Amino acid sequence: MVNVDKLAGKFRENKKSQKQMAEVVGISETSLSKKMTGKVSFSVDEARTIAAELRLSGQEIMDIFFSDRVA
């Protein structure tokens, strides 16, 4: 499951809104919200795009996208 708190924190650190990140990924804001809450999974390409945009380290990618912690 996605660690929503960490992902949202990275959005804020990079001064990116959820709407802006949805545009970067190429999905609707509603779809991004569903993915962040675990209702729908991120694809590998979507996670890769987010990681690149936010300049996440390998450890941050693991902590955010492969977390057992849920929202």
PDB file of N, CA and C in Angstrom:
ATOM      1  N   MET A   1       0.832  -1.184   0.000  1.00  0.00           N
ATOM      2  CA  MET A   1       0.000   0.000   0.000  1.00  0.00           C
ATOM      3  C   MET A   1       0.878   1.249   0.000  1.00  0.00           C
ATOM      4  N   VAL A   2       0.325   2.290  -0.502  1.00  0.00           N
ATOM      5  CA  VAL A   2       1.030   3.563  -0.586  1.00  0.00           C
ATOM      6  C   VAL A   2       1.012   4.260   0.771  1.00  0.00           C
ATOM      7  N   ASN A   3       2.151   4.808   1.161  1.00  0.00           N
ATOM      8  CA  ASN A   3       2.204   5.608   2.378  1.00  0.00           C
ATOM      9  C   ASN A   3       1.773   7.018   1.991  1.00  0.00           C
ATOM     10  N   VAL A   4       0.508   7.296   2.196  1.00  0.00           N
ATOM     11  CA  VAL A   4      -0.106   8.546   1.764  1.00  0.00           C
ATOM     12  C   VAL A   4       0.542   9.747   2.443  1.00  0.00           C
ATOM     13  N   ASP A   5       0.837   9.640   3.721  1.00  0.00           N
ATOM     14  CA  ASP A   5       1.427  10.764   4.449  1.00  0.00           C
ATOM     15  C   ASP A   5       2.767  11.166   3.843  1.00  0.00           C
ATOM     16  N   LYS A   6       3.603  10.180   3.563  1.00  0.00           N
ATOM     17  CA  LYS A   6       4.917  10.486   2.984  1.00  0.00           C
ATOM     18  C   LYS A   6       4.781  11.039   1.572  1.00  0.00           C
ATOM     19  N   LEU A   7       3.886  10.466   0.785  1.00  0.00           N
ATOM     20  CA  LEU A   7       3.711  10.938  -0.580  1.00  0.00           C
ATOM     21  C   LEU A   7       3.180  12.373  -0.585  1.00  0.00           C
ATOM     22  N   ALA A   8       2.190  12.639   0.238  1.00  0.00           N
ATOM     23  CA  ALA A   8       1.633  13.992   0.331  1.00  0.00           C
ATOM     24  C   ALA A   8       2.697  14.965   0.838  1.00  0.00           C
ATOM     25  N   GLY A   9       3.537  14.513   1.753  1.00  0.00           N
ATOM     26  CA  GLY A   9       4.631  15.347   2.251  1.00  0.00           C
ATOM     27  C   GLY A   9       5.607  15.706   1.150  1.00  0.00           C
ATOM     28  N   LYS A  10       5.892  14.753   0.289  1.00  0.00           N
ATOM     29  CA  LYS A  10       6.795  15.010  -0.839  1.00  0.00           C
ATOM     30  C   LYS A  10       6.161  15.970  -1.836  1.00  0.00           C
ATOM     31  N   PHE A  11       4.855  15.859  -2.019  1.00  0.00           N
ATOM     32  CA  PHE A  11       4.150  16.833  -2.865  1.00  0.00           C
ATOM     33  C   PHE A  11       4.388  18.243  -2.309  1.00  0.00           C
ATOM     34  N   ARG A  12       4.174  18.396  -0.991  1.00  0.00           N
ATOM     35  CA  ARG A  12       4.331  19.710  -0.362  1.00  0.00           C
ATOM     36  C   ARG A  12       5.775  20.200  -0.441  1.00  0.00           C
ATOM     37  N   GLU A  13       6.735  19.324  -0.166  1.00  0.00           N
ATOM     38  CA  GLU A  13       8.154  19.692  -0.232  1.00  0.00           C
ATOM     39  C   GLU A  13       8.520  20.241  -1.610  1.00  0.00           C
ATOM     40  N   ASN A  14       7.921  19.671  -2.631  1.00  0.00           N
ATOM     41  CA  ASN A  14       8.219  20.067  -4.001  1.00  0.00           C
ATOM     42  C   ASN A  14       7.239  21.107  -4.541  1.00  0.00           C
ATOM     43  N   LYS A  15       6.407  21.635  -3.634  1.00  0.00           N
ATOM     44  CA  LYS A  15       5.422  22.668  -3.997  1.00  0.00           C
ATOM     45  C   LYS A  15       4.539  22.231  -5.169  1.00  0.00           C
ATOM     46  N   LYS A  16       4.074  20.979  -5.089  1.00  0.00           N
ATOM     47  CA  LYS A  16       3.194  20.414  -6.109  1.00  0.00           C
ATOM     48  C   LYS A  16       1.854  20.092  -5.477  1.00  0.00           C
ATOM     49  N   SER A  17       0.795  20.530  -6.112  1.00  0.00           N
ATOM     50  CA  SER A  17      -0.546  20.179  -5.647  1.00  0.00           C
ATOM     51  C   SER A  17      -0.912  18.800  -6.194  1.00  0.00           C
ATOM     52  N   GLN A  18      -1.948  18.224  -5.621  1.00  0.00           N
ATOM     53  CA  GLN A  18      -2.423  16.937  -6.120  1.00  0.00           C
ATOM     54  C   GLN A  18      -2.863  17.083  -7.573  1.00  0.00           C
ATOM     55  N   LYS A  19      -3.475  18.204  -7.898  1.00  0.00           N
ATOM     56  CA  LYS A  19      -3.920  18.459  -9.272  1.00  0.00           C
ATOM     57  C   LYS A  19      -2.719  18.518 -10.219  1.00  0.00           C
ATOM     58  N   GLN A  20      -1.665  19.225  -9.818  1.00  0.00           N
ATOM     59  CA  GLN A  20      -0.465  19.314 -10.654  1.00  0.00           C
ATOM     60  C   GLN A  20       0.166  17.940 -10.860  1.00  0.00           C
ATOM     61  N   MET A  21       0.224  17.151  -9.801  1.00  0.00           N
ATOM     62  CA  MET A  21       0.824  15.821  -9.924  1.00  0.00           C
ATOM     63  C   MET A  21      -0.020  14.909 -10.802  1.00  0.00           C
ATOM     64  N   ALA A  22      -1.328  15.039 -10.714  1.00  0.00           N
ATOM     65  CA  ALA A  22      -2.202  14.252 -11.587  1.00  0.00           C
ATOM     66  C   ALA A  22      -1.918  14.588 -13.045  1.00  0.00           C
ATOM     67  N   GLU A  23      -1.723  15.872 -13.331  1.00  0.00           N
ATOM     68  CA  GLU A  23      -1.407  16.292 -14.702  1.00  0.00           C
ATOM     69  C   GLU A  23      -0.072  15.714 -15.160  1.00  0.00           C
ATOM     70  N   VAL A  24       0.920  15.725 -14.281  1.00  0.00           N
ATOM     71  CA  VAL A  24       2.240  15.168 -14.615  1.00  0.00           C
ATOM     72  C   VAL A  24       2.119  13.681 -14.956  1.00  0.00           C
ATOM     73  N   VAL A  25       1.317  12.977 -14.171  1.00  0.00           N
ATOM     74  CA  VAL A  25       1.155  11.536 -14.365  1.00  0.00           C
ATOM     75  C   VAL A  25       0.262  11.234 -15.570  1.00  0.00           C
ATOM     76  N   GLY A  26      -0.607  12.193 -15.899  1.00  0.00           N
ATOM     77  CA  GLY A  26      -1.500  12.004 -17.036  1.00  0.00           C
ATOM     78  C   GLY A  26      -2.806  11.325 -16.673  1.00  0.00           C
ATOM     79  N   ILE A  27      -3.243  11.565 -15.417  1.00  0.00           N
ATOM     80  CA  ILE A  27      -4.511  11.003 -14.949  1.00  0.00           C
ATOM     81  C   ILE A  27      -5.322  12.133 -14.312  1.00  0.00           C
ATOM     82  N   SER A  28      -6.579  11.852 -14.028  1.00  0.00           N
ATOM     83  CA  SER A  28      -7.417  12.867 -13.382  1.00  0.00           C
ATOM     84  C   SER A  28      -7.049  12.978 -11.906  1.00  0.00           C
ATOM     85  N   GLU A  29      -7.414  14.099 -11.325  1.00  0.00           N
ATOM     86  CA  GLU A  29      -7.183  14.293  -9.896  1.00  0.00           C
ATOM     87  C   GLU A  29      -7.951  13.254  -9.080  1.00  0.00           C
ATOM     88  N   THR A  30      -9.138  12.903  -9.535  1.00  0.00           N
ATOM     89  CA  THR A  30      -9.933  11.871  -8.860  1.00  0.00           C
ATOM     90  C   THR A  30      -9.215  10.527  -8.886  1.00  0.00           C
ATOM     91  N   SER A  31      -8.635  10.184 -10.032  1.00  0.00           N
ATOM     92  CA  SER A  31      -7.893   8.921 -10.140  1.00  0.00           C
ATOM     93  C   SER A  31      -6.687   8.918  -9.217  1.00  0.00           C
ATOM     94  N   LEU A  32      -5.965  10.039  -9.160  1.00  0.00           N
ATOM     95  CA  LEU A  32      -4.815  10.119  -8.266  1.00  0.00           C
ATOM     96  C   LEU A  32      -5.256   9.950  -6.821  1.00  0.00           C
ATOM     97  N   SER A  33      -6.355  10.577  -6.453  1.00  0.00           N
ATOM     98  CA  SER A  33      -6.878  10.456  -5.096  1.00  0.00           C
ATOM     99  C   SER A  33      -7.203   9.000  -4.765  1.00  0.00           C
ATOM    100  N   LYS A  34      -7.831   8.299  -5.686  1.00  0.00           N
ATOM    101  CA  LYS A  34      -8.177   6.890  -5.466  1.00  0.00           C
ATOM    102  C   LYS A  34      -6.923   6.041  -5.311  1.00  0.00           C
ATOM    103  N   LYS A  35      -5.909   6.360  -6.071  1.00  0.00           N
ATOM    104  CA  LYS A  35      -4.655   5.615  -5.986  1.00  0.00           C
ATOM    105  C   LYS A  35      -3.953   5.899  -4.658  1.00  0.00           C
ATOM    106  N   MET A  36      -4.010   7.134  -4.216  1.00  0.00           N
ATOM    107  CA  MET A  36      -3.357   7.492  -2.957  1.00  0.00           C
ATOM    108  C   MET A  36      -4.051   6.864  -1.757  1.00  0.00           C
ATOM    109  N   THR A  37      -5.339   6.649  -1.850  1.00  0.00           N
ATOM    110  CA  THR A  37      -6.071   6.045  -0.732  1.00  0.00           C
ATOM    111  C   THR A  37      -6.132   4.524  -0.813  1.00  0.00           C
ATOM    112  N   GLY A  38      -5.533   3.961  -1.860  1.00  0.00           N
ATOM    113  CA  GLY A  38      -5.462   2.515  -1.964  1.00  0.00           C
ATOM    114  C   GLY A  38      -6.656   1.860  -2.621  1.00  0.00           C
ATOM    115  N   LYS A  39      -7.598   2.646  -3.113  1.00  0.00           N
ATOM    116  CA  LYS A  39      -8.757   2.067  -3.787  1.00  0.00           C
ATOM    117  C   LYS A  39      -8.369   1.487  -5.138  1.00  0.00           C
ATOM    118  N   VAL A  40      -7.337   2.080  -5.749  1.00  0.00           N
ATOM    119  CA  VAL A  40      -6.808   1.634  -7.034  1.00  0.00           C
ATOM    120  C   VAL A  40      -5.289   1.676  -6.908  1.00  0.00           C
ATOM    121  N   SER A  41      -4.602   0.739  -7.530  1.00  0.00           N
ATOM    122  CA  SER A  41      -3.143   0.691  -7.442  1.00  0.00           C
ATOM    123  C   SER A  41      -2.474   1.592  -8.470  1.00  0.00           C
ATOM    124  N   PHE A  42      -1.312   2.109  -8.095  1.00  0.00           N
ATOM    125  CA  PHE A  42      -0.475   2.829  -9.045  1.00  0.00           C
ATOM    126  C   PHE A  42       0.157   1.812  -9.987  1.00  0.00           C
ATOM    127  N   SER A  43       0.270   2.162 -11.256  1.00  0.00           N
ATOM    128  CA  SER A  43       1.037   1.329 -12.177  1.00  0.00           C
ATOM    129  C   SER A  43       2.511   1.627 -11.945  1.00  0.00           C
ATOM    130  N   VAL A  44       3.367   0.753 -12.431  1.00  0.00           N
ATOM    131  CA  VAL A  44       4.804   0.969 -12.307  1.00  0.00           C
ATOM    132  C   VAL A  44       5.195   2.270 -13.003  1.00  0.00           C
ATOM    133  N   ASP A  45       4.650   2.507 -14.186  1.00  0.00           N
ATOM    134  CA  ASP A  45       4.971   3.731 -14.918  1.00  0.00           C
ATOM    135  C   ASP A  45       4.527   4.979 -14.165  1.00  0.00           C
ATOM    136  N   GLU A  46       3.364   4.935 -13.528  1.00  0.00           N
ATOM    137  CA  GLU A  46       2.880   6.077 -12.752  1.00  0.00           C
ATOM    138  C   GLU A  46       3.797   6.346 -11.561  1.00  0.00           C
ATOM    139  N   ALA A  47       4.179   5.287 -10.858  1.00  0.00           N
ATOM    140  CA  ALA A  47       5.088   5.440  -9.713  1.00  0.00           C
ATOM    141  C   ALA A  47       6.435   5.972 -10.182  1.00  0.00           C
ATOM    142  N   ARG A  48       6.915   5.482 -11.310  1.00  0.00           N
ATOM    143  CA  ARG A  48       8.188   5.933 -11.870  1.00  0.00           C
ATOM    144  C   ARG A  48       8.122   7.418 -12.240  1.00  0.00           C
ATOM    145  N   THR A  49       7.011   7.843 -12.821  1.00  0.00           N
ATOM    146  CA  THR A  49       6.835   9.241 -13.203  1.00  0.00           C
ATOM    147  C   THR A  49       6.815  10.141 -11.977  1.00  0.00           C
ATOM    148  N   ILE A  50       6.084   9.731 -10.954  1.00  0.00           N
ATOM    149  CA  ILE A  50       6.023  10.506  -9.709  1.00  0.00           C
ATOM    150  C   ILE A  50       7.406  10.580  -9.073  1.00  0.00           C
ATOM    151  N   ALA A  51       8.096   9.446  -9.015  1.00  0.00           N
ATOM    152  CA  ALA A  51       9.431   9.405  -8.415  1.00  0.00           C
ATOM    153  C   ALA A  51      10.384  10.344  -9.136  1.00  0.00           C
ATOM    154  N   ALA A  52      10.324  10.369 -10.456  1.00  0.00           N
ATOM    155  CA  ALA A  52      11.202  11.243 -11.237  1.00  0.00           C
ATOM    156  C   ALA A  52      10.846  12.706 -11.002  1.00  0.00           C
ATOM    157  N   GLU A  53       9.569  13.025 -11.013  1.00  0.00           N
ATOM    158  CA  GLU A  53       9.125  14.418 -10.833  1.00  0.00           C
ATOM    159  C   GLU A  53       9.508  14.951  -9.454  1.00  0.00           C
ATOM    160  N   LEU A  54       9.408  14.091  -8.440  1.00  0.00           N
ATOM    161  CA  LEU A  54       9.701  14.510  -7.070  1.00  0.00           C
ATOM    162  C   LEU A  54      11.149  14.242  -6.676  1.00  0.00           C
ATOM    163  N   ARG A  55      11.934  13.684  -7.591  1.00  0.00           N
ATOM    164  CA  ARG A  55      13.340  13.347  -7.359  1.00  0.00           C
ATOM    165  C   ARG A  55      13.503  12.493  -6.096  1.00  0.00           C
ATOM    166  N   LEU A  56      12.731  11.400  -6.034  1.00  0.00           N
ATOM    167  CA  LEU A  56      12.767  10.506  -4.883  1.00  0.00           C
ATOM    168  C   LEU A  56      13.978   9.590  -4.953  1.00  0.00           C
ATOM    169  N   SER A  57      14.555   9.319  -3.793  1.00  0.00           N
ATOM    170  CA  SER A  57      15.650   8.354  -3.710  1.00  0.00           C
ATOM    171  C   SER A  57      15.058   6.941  -3.773  1.00  0.00           C
ATOM    172  N   GLY A  58      15.914   5.971  -3.971  1.00  0.00           N
ATOM    173  CA  GLY A  58      15.456   4.583  -3.980  1.00  0.00           C
ATOM    174  C   GLY A  58      14.755   4.202  -2.683  1.00  0.00           C
ATOM    175  N   GLN A  59      15.315   4.658  -1.564  1.00  0.00           N
ATOM    176  CA  GLN A  59      14.700   4.349  -0.266  1.00  0.00           C
ATOM    177  C   GLN A  59      13.348   5.022  -0.125  1.00  0.00           C
ATOM    178  N   GLU A  60      13.232   6.265  -0.599  1.00  0.00           N
ATOM    179  CA  GLU A  60      11.950   6.966  -0.532  1.00  0.00           C
ATOM    180  C   GLU A  60      10.901   6.257  -1.388  1.00  0.00           C
ATOM    181  N   ILE A  61      11.311   5.766  -2.539  1.00  0.00           N
ATOM    182  CA  ILE A  61      10.382   5.010  -3.398  1.00  0.00           C
ATOM    183  C   ILE A  61       9.871   3.788  -2.650  1.00  0.00           C
ATOM    184  N   MET A  62      10.780   3.071  -2.017  1.00  0.00           N
ATOM    185  CA  MET A  62      10.373   1.880  -1.253  1.00  0.00           C
ATOM    186  C   MET A  62       9.447   2.257  -0.099  1.00  0.00           C
ATOM    187  N   ASP A  63       9.815   3.306   0.628  1.00  0.00           N
ATOM    188  CA  ASP A  63       9.021   3.733   1.791  1.00  0.00           C
ATOM    189  C   ASP A  63       7.625   4.205   1.398  1.00  0.00           C
ATOM    190  N   ILE A  64       7.510   4.817   0.230  1.00  0.00           N
ATOM    191  CA  ILE A  64       6.221   5.382  -0.201  1.00  0.00           C
ATOM    192  C   ILE A  64       5.360   4.357  -0.925  1.00  0.00           C
ATOM    193  N   PHE A  65       5.916   3.693  -1.910  1.00  0.00           N
ATOM    194  CA  PHE A  65       5.097   2.841  -2.781  1.00  0.00           C
ATOM    195  C   PHE A  65       5.012   1.383  -2.341  1.00  0.00           C
ATOM    196  N   PHE A  66       5.864   0.984  -1.410  1.00  0.00           N
ATOM    197  CA  PHE A  66       5.845  -0.409  -0.962  1.00  0.00           C
ATOM    198  C   PHE A  66       5.713  -0.496   0.546  1.00  0.00           C
ATOM    199  N   SER A  67       4.928   0.425   1.096  1.00  0.00           N
ATOM    200  CA  SER A  67       4.709   0.501   2.530  1.00  0.00           C
ATOM    201  C   SER A  67       3.567  -0.420   2.959  1.00  0.00           C
ATOM    202  N   ASP A  68       3.700  -0.965   4.152  1.00  0.00           N
ATOM    203  CA  ASP A  68       2.590  -1.737   4.723  1.00  0.00           C
ATOM    204  C   ASP A  68       1.617  -0.823   5.429  1.00  0.00           C
ATOM    205  N   ARG A  69       2.014   0.429   5.647  1.00  0.00           N
ATOM    206  CA  ARG A  69       1.183   1.406   6.339  1.00  0.00           C
ATOM    207  C   ARG A  69       0.137   1.954   5.364  1.00  0.00           C
ATOM    208  N   VAL A  70      -1.083   2.029   5.828  1.00  0.00           N
ATOM    209  CA  VAL A  70      -2.154   2.557   4.991  1.00  0.00           C
ATOM    210  C   VAL A  70      -2.670   3.861   5.559  1.00  0.00           C
ATOM    211  N   ALA A  71      -3.416   4.597   4.737  1.00  0.00           N
ATOM    212  CA  ALA A  71      -3.946   5.906   5.157  1.00  0.00           C
ATOM    213  C   ALA A  71      -4.903   5.782   6.312  1.00  0.00           C
TER     214      ALA A  71
END
